[in-house]
Amino acid sequence: MSEPAILHWERVIHKNVRSSDGTDVGNIISEAGDTFTVMQGTQREYNIPKSVVEGFNGSEVSLSIPYSEVLGYKVA
């Protein structure tokens, strides 16, 4: 099993998230268990699995999935 892309999730709270196709997804507002929550503006909220995180460059979390897949994690 490989090492996770992010070891210390408290360091990425309030950081920006970008999908694999370059779309700005929003900012991380919390994490719990195997998911983290991203808020896009004041309207859209996503619970995204940590398993799709590709990396963190110090200011932005990158995902291994395109924005079209992120939409499937939208909170109703």
N, C-alpha and C. Protein backbone atom coordinates (compact mmCIF):
# COMPACT_ATOMS: atom_id res chain seq x y z
N MET A 1 0.84 -1.19 0.00
CA MET A 1 0.00 0.00 0.00
C MET A 1 0.88 1.24 0.00
N SER A 2 0.57 2.19 -0.85
CA SER A 2 1.38 3.40 -0.94
C SER A 2 1.00 4.40 0.14
N GLU A 3 1.91 5.32 0.37
CA GLU A 3 1.68 6.36 1.38
C GLU A 3 0.64 7.36 0.87
N PRO A 4 -0.27 7.82 1.73
CA PRO A 4 -1.28 8.79 1.27
C PRO A 4 -0.63 10.11 0.85
N ALA A 5 -1.30 10.81 -0.06
CA ALA A 5 -0.78 12.08 -0.57
C ALA A 5 -0.72 13.14 0.53
N ILE A 6 -1.62 13.07 1.49
CA ILE A 6 -1.65 14.04 2.59
C ILE A 6 -1.63 13.27 3.90
N LEU A 7 -0.63 13.56 4.71
CA LEU A 7 -0.50 12.89 6.00
C LEU A 7 -1.15 13.67 7.12
N HIS A 8 -1.12 14.99 7.04
CA HIS A 8 -1.63 15.86 8.11
C HIS A 8 -2.77 16.73 7.55
N TRP A 9 -3.99 16.21 7.65
CA TRP A 9 -5.14 16.90 7.07
C TRP A 9 -5.41 18.25 7.71
N GLU A 10 -5.03 18.44 8.96
CA GLU A 10 -5.25 19.75 9.60
C GLU A 10 -4.49 20.86 8.88
N ARG A 11 -3.47 20.51 8.13
CA ARG A 11 -2.67 21.51 7.39
C ARG A 11 -3.33 21.96 6.09
N VAL A 12 -4.33 21.22 5.62
CA VAL A 12 -4.95 21.58 4.35
C VAL A 12 -6.36 22.16 4.50
N ILE A 13 -6.85 22.26 5.75
CA ILE A 13 -8.14 22.91 5.96
C ILE A 13 -8.04 24.34 5.45
N HIS A 14 -9.02 24.79 4.69
CA HIS A 14 -9.10 26.12 4.06
C HIS A 14 -8.21 26.26 2.83
N LYS A 15 -7.58 25.16 2.38
CA LYS A 15 -6.78 25.22 1.15
C LYS A 15 -7.68 24.94 -0.06
N ASN A 16 -7.25 25.43 -1.21
CA ASN A 16 -8.00 25.26 -2.44
C ASN A 16 -7.82 23.84 -2.99
N VAL A 17 -8.83 23.37 -3.72
CA VAL A 17 -8.81 22.06 -4.35
C VAL A 17 -9.01 22.24 -5.85
N ARG A 18 -8.21 21.51 -6.64
CA ARG A 18 -8.31 21.58 -8.10
C ARG A 18 -8.43 20.18 -8.68
N SER A 19 -9.37 20.01 -9.61
CA SER A 19 -9.59 18.71 -10.26
C SER A 19 -8.47 18.43 -11.26
N SER A 20 -8.42 17.20 -11.76
CA SER A 20 -7.36 16.81 -12.69
C SER A 20 -7.42 17.57 -14.01
N ASP A 21 -8.60 18.10 -14.36
CA ASP A 21 -8.73 18.88 -15.59
C ASP A 21 -8.56 20.38 -15.36
N GLY A 22 -8.08 20.75 -14.16
CA GLY A 22 -7.74 22.14 -13.88
C GLY A 22 -8.85 23.01 -13.34
N THR A 23 -10.01 22.44 -13.05
CA THR A 23 -11.13 23.22 -12.54
C THR A 23 -10.98 23.48 -11.05
N ASP A 24 -11.25 24.72 -10.64
CA ASP A 24 -11.23 25.10 -9.23
C ASP A 24 -12.49 24.51 -8.57
N VAL A 25 -12.30 23.59 -7.62
CA VAL A 25 -13.42 22.91 -6.99
C VAL A 25 -13.93 23.69 -5.77
N GLY A 26 -13.05 24.35 -5.03
CA GLY A 26 -13.44 25.09 -3.84
C GLY A 26 -12.40 24.92 -2.75
N ASN A 27 -12.81 25.21 -1.49
CA ASN A 27 -11.90 25.14 -0.36
C ASN A 27 -12.32 24.04 0.61
N ILE A 28 -11.32 23.36 1.16
CA ILE A 28 -11.59 22.31 2.14
C ILE A 28 -12.08 22.97 3.43
N ILE A 29 -13.23 22.50 3.94
CA ILE A 29 -13.76 23.05 5.18
C ILE A 29 -13.68 22.07 6.34
N SER A 30 -13.54 20.77 6.04
CA SER A 30 -13.41 19.78 7.11
C SER A 30 -12.99 18.44 6.53
N GLU A 31 -12.63 17.52 7.42
CA GLU A 31 -12.32 16.16 7.01
C GLU A 31 -12.73 15.23 8.13
N ALA A 32 -13.14 14.04 7.75
CA ALA A 32 -13.53 13.03 8.73
C ALA A 32 -13.48 11.66 8.07
N GLY A 33 -12.85 10.71 8.73
CA GLY A 33 -12.79 9.36 8.19
C GLY A 33 -12.11 9.31 6.84
N ASP A 34 -12.78 8.75 5.86
CA ASP A 34 -12.20 8.58 4.52
C ASP A 34 -12.57 9.68 3.55
N THR A 35 -13.23 10.75 4.02
CA THR A 35 -13.65 11.84 3.13
C THR A 35 -13.24 13.20 3.67
N PHE A 36 -13.28 14.17 2.78
CA PHE A 36 -13.11 15.57 3.19
C PHE A 36 -14.19 16.38 2.49
N THR A 37 -14.55 17.50 3.10
CA THR A 37 -15.64 18.32 2.59
C THR A 37 -15.09 19.59 1.97
N VAL A 38 -15.55 19.88 0.77
CA VAL A 38 -15.14 21.06 0.02
C VAL A 38 -16.36 21.94 -0.19
N MET A 39 -16.20 23.24 0.05
CA MET A 39 -17.27 24.20 -0.18
C MET A 39 -16.87 25.08 -1.36
N GLN A 40 -17.77 25.18 -2.33
CA GLN A 40 -17.55 26.01 -3.51
C GLN A 40 -18.51 27.18 -3.40
N GLY A 41 -17.97 28.36 -3.11
CA GLY A 41 -18.83 29.52 -2.88
C GLY A 41 -19.69 29.29 -1.66
N THR A 42 -20.95 29.66 -1.73
CA THR A 42 -21.86 29.41 -0.61
C THR A 42 -22.95 28.43 -1.01
N GLN A 43 -22.89 27.90 -2.22
CA GLN A 43 -23.96 27.07 -2.74
C GLN A 43 -23.64 25.59 -2.83
N ARG A 44 -22.43 25.23 -3.20
CA ARG A 44 -22.11 23.83 -3.49
C ARG A 44 -21.18 23.25 -2.45
N GLU A 45 -21.53 22.05 -1.99
CA GLU A 45 -20.71 21.33 -1.02
C GLU A 45 -20.49 19.91 -1.54
N TYR A 46 -19.26 19.43 -1.41
CA TYR A 46 -18.89 18.10 -1.89
C TYR A 46 -18.22 17.31 -0.78
N ASN A 47 -18.57 16.03 -0.63
CA ASN A 47 -17.87 15.10 0.26
C ASN A 47 -17.05 14.18 -0.63
N ILE A 48 -15.76 14.44 -0.70
CA ILE A 48 -14.88 13.76 -1.65
C ILE A 48 -14.03 12.73 -0.92
N PRO A 49 -13.88 11.53 -1.49
CA PRO A 49 -13.03 10.52 -0.85
C PRO A 49 -11.56 10.95 -0.86
N LYS A 50 -10.88 10.69 0.24
CA LYS A 50 -9.45 11.02 0.32
C LYS A 50 -8.64 10.22 -0.70
N SER A 51 -9.17 9.10 -1.13
CA SER A 51 -8.45 8.23 -2.06
C SER A 51 -8.23 8.86 -3.43
N VAL A 52 -8.96 9.94 -3.77
CA VAL A 52 -8.78 10.57 -5.08
C VAL A 52 -7.84 11.79 -5.02
N VAL A 53 -7.22 12.02 -3.86
CA VAL A 53 -6.25 13.10 -3.74
C VAL A 53 -4.94 12.64 -4.37
N GLU A 54 -4.45 13.45 -5.31
CA GLU A 54 -3.21 13.12 -6.00
C GLU A 54 -2.00 13.74 -5.31
N GLY A 55 -2.18 14.96 -4.76
CA GLY A 55 -1.05 15.61 -4.13
C GLY A 55 -1.41 16.94 -3.50
N PHE A 56 -0.42 17.53 -2.86
CA PHE A 56 -0.56 18.84 -2.22
C PHE A 56 0.75 19.59 -2.42
N ASN A 57 0.68 20.78 -3.03
CA ASN A 57 1.90 21.52 -3.34
C ASN A 57 2.21 22.62 -2.32
N GLY A 58 1.52 22.62 -1.20
CA GLY A 58 1.74 23.64 -0.18
C GLY A 58 0.65 24.69 -0.16
N SER A 59 -0.01 24.88 -1.29
CA SER A 59 -1.10 25.86 -1.33
C SER A 59 -2.38 25.30 -1.94
N GLU A 60 -2.26 24.19 -2.66
CA GLU A 60 -3.42 23.65 -3.35
C GLU A 60 -3.40 22.12 -3.36
N VAL A 61 -4.57 21.53 -3.14
CA VAL A 61 -4.72 20.07 -3.19
C VAL A 61 -5.17 19.70 -4.60
N SER A 62 -4.50 18.73 -5.20
CA SER A 62 -4.87 18.30 -6.54
C SER A 62 -5.54 16.93 -6.48
N LEU A 63 -6.56 16.77 -7.31
CA LEU A 63 -7.31 15.52 -7.36
C LEU A 63 -6.92 14.71 -8.59
N SER A 64 -7.15 13.41 -8.53
CA SER A 64 -6.85 12.54 -9.67
C SER A 64 -8.06 12.33 -10.57
N ILE A 65 -9.15 13.05 -10.27
CA ILE A 65 -10.38 12.90 -11.06
C ILE A 65 -10.77 14.25 -11.67
N PRO A 66 -11.46 14.22 -12.84
CA PRO A 66 -11.91 15.47 -13.46
C PRO A 66 -13.14 16.04 -12.73
N TYR A 67 -13.44 17.28 -13.02
CA TYR A 67 -14.56 17.96 -12.36
C TYR A 67 -15.88 17.24 -12.58
N SER A 68 -16.06 16.62 -13.74
CA SER A 68 -17.31 15.90 -14.01
C SER A 68 -17.53 14.79 -13.00
N GLU A 69 -16.48 14.17 -12.50
CA GLU A 69 -16.60 13.14 -11.46
C GLU A 69 -16.82 13.76 -10.08
N VAL A 70 -16.21 14.92 -9.85
CA VAL A 70 -16.41 15.62 -8.57
C VAL A 70 -17.90 15.90 -8.35
N LEU A 71 -18.59 16.25 -9.42
CA LEU A 71 -20.02 16.57 -9.32
C LEU A 71 -20.83 15.42 -8.73
N GLY A 72 -20.35 14.20 -8.88
CA GLY A 72 -21.03 13.03 -8.32
C GLY A 72 -20.95 12.96 -6.81
N TYR A 73 -20.09 13.76 -6.20
CA TYR A 73 -19.92 13.79 -4.75
C TYR A 73 -20.65 14.97 -4.11
N LYS A 74 -21.47 15.65 -4.88
CA LYS A 74 -22.19 16.81 -4.37
C LYS A 74 -23.15 16.38 -3.25
N VAL A 75 -23.18 17.17 -2.19
CA VAL A 75 -24.09 16.93 -1.07
C VAL A 75 -25.45 17.49 -1.45
N ALA A 76 -26.49 16.70 -1.29
CA ALA A 76 -27.83 17.13 -1.70
C ALA A 76 -28.36 18.24 -0.83
